[in-house]
Amino acid sequence: MLTSVADNIAMTLESAQQSSLRRSNDRFVADLTEDGTVSLLHRTHSAAVESLLEILASRHANVGTRSQYKQALRSFLDWMKGQRFTSLSDLRASDLSAWRDDMVGHMKPLTIQSRFAAVRSLFDDLVVEGILPSNPAARVKVMKGDYSVGKTSTLSAAQVRRLLDSIEPSTLIGLRDRALIATLMYSTLRISATLGLTPNSLTHEAGGTCFRVIEKRNKHRLVPVHEQLFPLLEAWVDAADLRSEPDLPIFRAFGRKSKIEDVDAPPPLLRRTALARQDAWQMIQRRSSSIGLTNVSCHTFRATGLTVALLNGASLDEAQDLAGHASVATTRLYDRRKDRKMVATVNRIRF
């Protein structure tokens, strides 16, 4: 069984996570060096660069947060180069306002908010470290959008069934893709947490089989494994013989030359590394478009799972616990019951 794991899973995971975090910190600093951030900081004040990079690396532990932070810094640095700024100390509040205004029109309000918050955070750190006397972004206001309604698309039960049924279970790649999509759907986990799962992540707790997951802000949670997900997950784990390496990712990448193979054949091209988020997104795009579905993302399955749970009688509080949201207001963004009722109401209009 998948759940035959040692009682000291938590201790093993914690040690592995600390080692992984150290490697991730090194990669984060390397990326900042590569994209020009470090050289720009050196020109501003070289003495405090090392301590500042430590702060940046330790603060942004979540993979998704780091990715957004790096994108924001790259965008800001590109803008600075275009405006011929050579040092962060040259910037004034009016300059940050101009950068904000340049983003309006071709970026969504939430993206602008996110990028500006990252840069404001950078300047805060520069002030704390004594690199700059003040934060030029502190008093610059950023337009807020209306987020009372979620933007993520959802699927109907029939579309979910069609998608899962369209994936061939006779191949290793098909078994993996079906198990990954089903895990996203039935557990409502984020893609980063899902790709971080290992066979050791499965444990017997809370009266059943659960995923032990680590999510945003290093939050540790137990998420029950749905009874319809378990056989799909077990079929993939058995076919790929993943139990023999319980500390490696469940959802691994295949080599570039991987072809459709028979389940009984050994999987020599199965890598020891997790499938990349971008590759997971591309797989979902390919699988969904093959049956005529559009605008489907990794987050679509999280929104769909929560909406279906609410439609089937779950309360908002229960959905909040399942999603791991800190605020029920965030869970409401995933509640599409009104949308579906409105469709039914419109269809009542007949002439």
Protein backbone atom coordinates (compact mmCIF):
# COMPACT_ATOMS: atom_id res chain seq x y z
CA MET A 1 0.00 0.00 0.00
CA LEU A 2 1.01 3.62 -0.57
CA THR A 3 0.58 4.34 3.13
CA SER A 4 3.15 1.86 4.42
CA VAL A 5 5.63 4.51 5.59
CA ALA A 6 7.64 4.98 8.75
CA ASP A 7 6.31 6.87 11.76
CA ASN A 8 9.17 9.38 11.58
CA ILE A 9 8.07 10.91 8.26
CA ALA A 10 7.83 14.42 9.71
CA MET A 11 11.44 14.39 10.93
CA THR A 12 12.72 13.07 7.60
CA LEU A 13 10.69 15.63 5.65
CA GLU A 14 11.89 18.50 7.81
CA SER A 15 15.53 17.58 7.23
CA ALA A 16 14.98 17.22 3.49
CA GLN A 17 13.07 20.51 3.36
CA GLN A 18 15.89 22.39 5.11
CA SER A 19 18.43 20.98 2.66
CA SER A 20 16.12 21.82 -0.26
CA LEU A 21 15.62 25.35 1.07
CA ARG A 22 19.38 25.93 1.25
CA ARG A 23 19.74 24.81 -2.38
CA SER A 24 16.78 26.97 -3.33
CA ASN A 25 18.34 29.99 -1.58
CA ASP A 26 21.53 29.50 -3.61
CA ARG A 27 19.53 29.31 -6.85
CA PHE A 28 17.54 32.40 -5.90
CA VAL A 29 20.69 34.46 -5.28
CA ALA A 30 22.23 33.10 -8.50
CA ASP A 31 19.16 34.18 -10.48
CA LEU A 32 19.29 37.66 -8.96
CA THR A 33 22.96 37.84 -9.94
CA GLU A 34 22.22 36.70 -13.49
CA ASP A 35 19.39 39.16 -14.15
CA GLY A 36 21.47 42.17 -13.11
CA THR A 37 19.98 42.90 -9.68
CA VAL A 38 23.21 42.25 -7.81
CA SER A 39 25.34 44.40 -10.11
CA LEU A 40 22.84 47.22 -9.74
CA LEU A 41 22.93 46.91 -5.95
CA HIS A 42 26.73 46.88 -5.99
CA ARG A 43 26.75 50.17 -7.82
CA THR A 44 24.38 51.56 -5.18
CA HIS A 45 26.21 50.39 -2.06
CA SER A 46 28.40 47.29 -2.23
CA ALA A 47 28.95 46.91 1.53
CA ALA A 48 25.46 45.63 2.36
CA VAL A 49 24.73 43.53 -0.73
CA GLU A 50 25.59 40.20 0.91
CA SER A 51 23.30 40.74 3.90
CA LEU A 52 20.53 42.03 1.64
CA LEU A 53 20.68 38.91 -0.54
CA GLU A 54 20.43 36.76 2.60
CA ILE A 55 17.26 38.63 3.57
CA LEU A 56 15.75 38.24 0.10
CA ALA A 57 16.56 34.53 -0.05
CA SER A 58 15.28 33.71 3.44
CA ARG A 59 12.12 35.78 3.18
CA HIS A 60 10.79 34.35 -0.07
CA ALA A 61 10.84 30.63 0.71
CA ASN A 62 7.86 29.72 -1.48
CA VAL A 63 8.75 28.80 -5.07
CA GLY A 64 5.81 30.67 -6.55
CA THR A 65 6.51 33.80 -4.51
CA ARG A 66 10.15 33.76 -5.57
CA SER A 67 9.18 33.42 -9.21
CA GLN A 68 6.84 36.42 -8.98
CA TYR A 69 9.44 38.42 -7.08
CA LYS A 70 12.11 37.76 -9.73
CA GLN A 71 9.70 38.65 -12.55
CA ALA A 72 8.85 41.92 -10.80
CA LEU A 73 12.52 42.82 -10.32
CA ARG A 74 13.36 41.95 -13.93
CA SER A 75 10.49 44.12 -15.15
CA PHE A 76 11.58 47.00 -12.94
CA LEU A 77 15.25 46.72 -13.96
CA ASP A 78 14.30 46.66 -17.65
CA TRP A 79 12.29 49.82 -17.12
CA MET A 80 15.22 51.46 -15.29
CA LYS A 81 17.58 50.63 -18.16
CA GLY A 82 15.11 52.05 -20.65
CA GLN A 83 14.92 55.26 -18.62
CA ARG A 84 18.75 55.35 -18.32
CA PHE A 85 18.83 55.10 -14.53
CA THR A 86 22.12 53.65 -13.33
CA SER A 87 21.52 53.49 -9.57
CA LEU A 88 18.59 52.82 -7.28
CA SER A 89 19.62 55.85 -5.24
CA ASP A 90 18.75 58.08 -8.22
CA LEU A 91 15.05 57.16 -8.05
CA ARG A 92 12.39 59.45 -6.60
CA ALA A 93 8.69 58.93 -5.86
CA SER A 94 7.79 60.59 -9.16
CA ASP A 95 9.91 58.02 -11.00
CA LEU A 96 8.11 55.13 -9.28
CA SER A 97 4.79 56.77 -10.20
CA ALA A 98 5.93 56.89 -13.83
CA TRP A 99 6.80 53.17 -13.74
CA ARG A 100 3.37 52.42 -12.30
CA ASP A 101 1.67 54.47 -15.02
CA ASP A 102 3.67 52.70 -17.73
CA MET A 103 2.24 49.37 -16.56
CA VAL A 104 -1.37 50.59 -16.65
CA GLY A 105 -3.15 49.57 -19.83
CA HIS A 106 -1.16 46.47 -20.72
CA MET A 107 -1.17 44.71 -17.32
CA LYS A 108 -3.99 43.66 -15.03
CA PRO A 109 -4.43 45.63 -11.78
CA LEU A 110 -3.47 42.58 -9.71
CA THR A 111 -0.22 42.16 -11.66
CA ILE A 112 0.62 45.83 -11.17
CA GLN A 113 -0.10 45.53 -7.45
CA SER A 114 2.07 42.43 -7.15
CA ARG A 115 5.03 43.92 -9.02
CA PHE A 116 4.88 47.22 -7.21
CA ALA A 117 4.66 45.45 -3.84
CA ALA A 118 7.81 43.48 -4.67
CA VAL A 119 9.75 46.61 -5.58
CA ARG A 120 8.43 48.46 -2.52
CA SER A 121 9.64 45.53 -0.43
CA LEU A 122 13.07 45.75 -2.05
CA PHE A 123 13.36 49.43 -1.15
CA ASP A 124 12.22 48.67 2.41
CA ASP A 125 15.10 46.22 2.73
CA LEU A 126 17.53 48.76 1.30
CA VAL A 127 16.44 51.27 3.93
CA VAL A 128 16.67 48.74 6.78
CA GLU A 129 20.18 47.75 5.67
CA GLY A 130 21.25 51.37 5.55
CA ILE A 131 21.79 51.34 1.79
CA LEU A 132 19.21 54.07 1.10
CA PRO A 133 17.97 56.84 3.40
CA SER A 134 14.29 56.46 2.43
CA ASN A 135 11.86 54.39 0.36
CA PRO A 136 10.75 56.32 -2.76
CA ALA A 137 7.91 53.81 -3.34
CA ALA A 138 6.41 54.15 0.14
CA ARG A 139 3.89 56.89 -0.67
CA VAL A 140 3.08 55.93 -4.24
CA LYS A 141 -0.48 54.65 -4.49
CA VAL A 142 -1.39 51.74 -6.74
CA MET A 143 -4.84 51.28 -8.24
CA LYS A 144 -6.76 48.37 -6.79
CA GLY A 145 -9.02 46.19 -8.90
CA ASP A 146 -12.33 44.58 -7.98
CA TYR A 147 -11.63 41.03 -6.83
CA SER A 148 -15.01 40.16 -5.40
CA VAL A 149 -15.41 37.64 -8.25
CA GLY A 150 -12.74 35.09 -9.11
CA LYS A 151 -11.19 35.11 -12.59
CA THR A 152 -10.16 31.44 -12.77
CA SER A 153 -12.26 29.32 -15.12
CA THR A 154 -14.06 26.21 -13.87
CA LEU A 155 -15.20 22.99 -15.53
CA SER A 156 -18.48 21.14 -15.32
CA ALA A 157 -18.67 17.58 -13.98
CA ALA A 158 -19.17 16.29 -17.53
CA GLN A 159 -16.09 18.13 -18.77
CA VAL A 160 -13.99 16.74 -15.92
CA ARG A 161 -15.12 13.22 -16.71
CA ARG A 162 -14.42 13.70 -20.44
CA LEU A 163 -10.94 15.01 -19.70
CA LEU A 164 -9.96 12.15 -17.39
CA ASP A 165 -11.47 9.55 -19.74
CA SER A 166 -9.56 11.00 -22.72
CA ILE A 167 -6.16 10.24 -21.18
CA GLU A 168 -4.80 6.85 -22.25
CA PRO A 169 -4.10 4.62 -19.21
CA SER A 170 -2.04 2.20 -21.31
CA THR A 171 1.08 4.42 -21.23
CA LEU A 172 3.28 5.62 -18.40
CA ILE A 173 2.91 9.23 -19.48
CA GLY A 174 -0.85 8.82 -19.62
CA LEU A 175 -0.96 7.30 -16.14
CA ARG A 176 1.13 10.16 -14.76
CA ASP A 177 -0.90 12.89 -16.45
CA ARG A 178 -4.21 11.38 -15.37
CA ALA A 179 -3.02 11.02 -11.77
CA LEU A 180 -1.67 14.59 -11.71
CA ILE A 181 -4.88 16.16 -13.04
CA ALA A 182 -6.98 14.02 -10.70
CA THR A 183 -4.83 15.05 -7.72
CA LEU A 184 -5.26 18.73 -8.57
CA MET A 185 -9.00 18.21 -8.94
CA TYR A 186 -9.83 16.01 -5.95
CA SER A 187 -7.42 17.56 -3.44
CA THR A 188 -7.73 21.21 -4.62
CA LEU A 189 -3.99 21.58 -3.96
CA ARG A 190 -1.95 24.25 -5.71
CA ILE A 191 0.32 23.02 -8.48
CA SER A 192 3.54 23.71 -6.52
CA ALA A 193 2.35 21.69 -3.53
CA THR A 194 1.19 18.88 -5.81
CA LEU A 195 4.50 18.64 -7.65
CA GLY A 196 6.25 18.54 -4.27
CA LEU A 197 4.45 15.36 -3.19
CA THR A 198 6.47 12.17 -2.63
CA PRO A 199 5.35 8.65 -1.65
CA ASN A 200 6.38 9.64 1.88
CA SER A 201 3.82 12.46 1.75
CA LEU A 202 1.04 9.90 2.14
CA THR A 203 0.18 8.97 5.71
CA HIS A 204 -2.64 7.52 7.82
CA GLU A 205 -4.04 10.35 9.90
CA ALA A 206 -7.35 12.08 10.63
CA GLY A 207 -9.22 8.81 10.17
CA GLY A 208 -7.96 8.02 6.66
CA THR A 209 -5.23 8.43 4.07
CA CYS A 210 -3.94 11.99 3.79
CA PHE A 211 -1.37 14.04 1.92
CA ARG A 212 1.11 15.77 4.21
CA VAL A 213 1.77 18.95 2.21
CA ILE A 214 3.79 22.14 2.52
CA GLU A 215 2.13 25.15 0.95
CA LYS A 216 2.56 28.90 0.71
CA ARG A 217 4.32 30.60 3.61
CA ASN A 218 5.70 27.19 4.65
CA LYS A 219 2.28 26.11 5.92
CA HIS A 220 2.10 22.39 6.82
CA ARG A 221 -1.29 20.76 6.26
CA LEU A 222 -2.99 17.38 6.05
CA VAL A 223 -5.30 16.98 3.05
CA PRO A 224 -7.49 13.85 2.79
CA VAL A 225 -7.01 11.66 -0.29
CA HIS A 226 -10.33 11.30 -2.12
CA GLU A 227 -11.57 7.74 -2.54
CA GLN A 228 -11.84 8.20 -6.33
CA LEU A 229 -8.32 9.63 -6.54
CA PHE A 230 -6.59 6.80 -4.68
CA PRO A 231 -6.83 4.11 -7.43
CA LEU A 232 -5.66 6.56 -10.12
CA LEU A 233 -2.70 7.60 -8.00
CA GLU A 234 -1.85 4.03 -7.05
CA ALA A 235 -1.98 2.90 -10.70
CA TRP A 236 0.71 5.45 -11.59
CA VAL A 237 2.87 4.74 -8.55
CA ASP A 238 2.74 0.99 -9.18
CA ALA A 239 3.47 1.24 -12.91
CA ALA A 240 6.46 3.55 -12.37
CA ASP A 241 7.69 1.64 -9.28
CA LEU A 242 7.89 4.86 -7.26
CA ARG A 243 7.74 3.15 -3.86
CA SER A 244 11.33 2.01 -4.26
CA GLU A 245 12.42 5.67 -3.94
CA PRO A 246 9.93 7.14 -1.45
CA ASP A 247 11.76 10.46 -1.02
CA LEU A 248 11.62 11.36 -4.73
CA PRO A 249 8.70 13.23 -6.33
CA ILE A 250 5.56 11.32 -7.32
CA PHE A 251 5.04 13.43 -10.43
CA ARG A 252 8.37 13.20 -12.21
CA ALA A 253 9.54 14.38 -15.59
CA PHE A 254 10.30 12.09 -18.50
CA GLY A 255 13.33 12.39 -20.76
CA ARG A 256 13.07 14.40 -23.95
CA LYS A 257 13.06 11.29 -26.14
CA SER A 258 10.31 9.58 -24.18
CA LYS A 259 7.73 7.90 -26.39
CA ILE A 260 4.43 6.22 -25.61
CA GLU A 261 5.40 2.99 -23.89
CA ASP A 262 3.65 -0.09 -22.65
CA VAL A 263 2.89 -0.12 -18.92
CA ASP A 264 4.72 -3.44 -18.52
CA ALA A 265 7.95 -2.01 -19.91
CA PRO A 266 10.52 -0.61 -17.46
CA PRO A 267 10.64 3.19 -17.26
CA PRO A 268 14.33 3.97 -17.97
CA LEU A 269 13.54 7.47 -19.18
CA LEU A 270 11.71 8.49 -16.01
CA ARG A 271 13.81 11.15 -14.34
CA ARG A 272 14.45 11.59 -10.64
CA THR A 273 13.34 15.22 -10.71
CA ALA A 274 9.84 16.64 -10.40
CA LEU A 275 7.90 17.78 -13.43
CA ALA A 276 8.42 21.54 -13.84
CA ARG A 277 5.39 23.78 -13.29
CA GLN A 278 5.67 25.14 -16.83
CA ASP A 279 5.74 21.61 -18.24
CA ALA A 280 2.69 20.69 -16.13
CA TRP A 281 0.85 23.72 -17.50
CA GLN A 282 1.77 22.77 -21.08
CA MET A 283 0.58 19.20 -20.49
CA ILE A 284 -2.75 20.47 -19.16
CA GLN A 285 -3.10 22.78 -22.16
CA ARG A 286 -2.42 19.90 -24.54
CA ARG A 287 -4.77 17.46 -22.80
CA SER A 288 -7.64 19.94 -22.48
CA SER A 289 -7.38 21.33 -26.01
CA SER A 290 -7.47 17.78 -27.42
CA ILE A 291 -11.12 17.52 -26.32
CA GLY A 292 -12.04 21.09 -27.21
CA LEU A 293 -11.62 22.76 -23.81
CA THR A 294 -10.11 26.24 -23.70
CA ASN A 295 -8.85 28.61 -21.00
CA VAL A 296 -7.86 25.71 -18.71
CA SER A 297 -4.96 26.20 -16.30
CA CYS A 298 -3.53 24.34 -13.30
CA HIS A 299 -5.63 26.55 -11.03
CA THR A 300 -8.80 25.65 -12.96
CA PHE A 301 -8.88 22.30 -11.18
CA ARG A 302 -8.56 23.91 -7.74
CA ALA A 303 -11.44 26.28 -8.53
CA THR A 304 -13.50 23.44 -10.00
CA GLY A 305 -12.98 21.15 -7.01
CA LEU A 306 -13.99 23.85 -4.52
CA THR A 307 -17.02 24.89 -6.57
CA VAL A 308 -18.23 21.29 -6.88
CA ALA A 309 -17.75 20.74 -3.14
CA LEU A 310 -19.90 23.82 -2.44
CA LEU A 311 -22.54 22.74 -4.97
CA ASN A 312 -22.72 19.35 -3.24
CA GLY A 313 -23.44 20.88 0.16
CA ALA A 314 -20.09 21.82 1.69
CA SER A 315 -20.14 25.03 3.72
CA LEU A 316 -17.82 27.95 3.02
CA ASP A 317 -15.95 27.19 6.24
CA GLU A 318 -15.40 23.59 5.14
CA ALA A 319 -14.23 24.73 1.70
CA GLN A 320 -11.88 27.22 3.37
CA ASP A 321 -10.31 24.44 5.46
CA LEU A 322 -9.92 22.23 2.39
CA ALA A 323 -8.28 25.01 0.38
CA GLY A 324 -6.09 26.14 3.26
CA HIS A 325 -7.13 29.77 2.88
CA ALA A 326 -6.32 32.16 5.71
CA SER A 327 -9.47 34.17 4.98
CA VAL A 328 -12.93 32.99 3.95
CA ALA A 329 -13.03 36.01 1.62
CA THR A 330 -10.47 34.25 -0.56
CA THR A 331 -12.60 31.10 -0.61
CA ARG A 332 -15.59 33.14 -1.82
CA LEU A 333 -13.64 33.95 -4.98
CA TYR A 334 -13.85 30.24 -5.85
CA ASP A 335 -17.59 30.03 -5.20
CA ARG A 336 -19.20 29.94 -8.66
CA ARG A 337 -22.63 28.71 -7.58
CA LYS A 338 -24.22 32.04 -8.49
CA ASP A 339 -22.71 31.88 -11.98
CA ARG A 340 -24.24 28.47 -12.63
CA LYS A 341 -27.61 29.53 -11.22
CA MET A 342 -27.56 32.57 -13.51
CA VAL A 343 -26.99 30.33 -16.53
CA ALA A 344 -30.02 28.26 -15.50
CA THR A 345 -32.05 31.47 -15.06
CA VAL A 346 -31.09 32.81 -18.50
CA ASN A 347 -32.11 29.50 -20.08
CA ARG A 348 -35.59 29.99 -18.64
CA ILE A 349 -36.09 32.87 -21.06
CA ARG A 350 -38.03 31.29 -23.91
CA PHE A 351 -40.12 32.74 -26.72
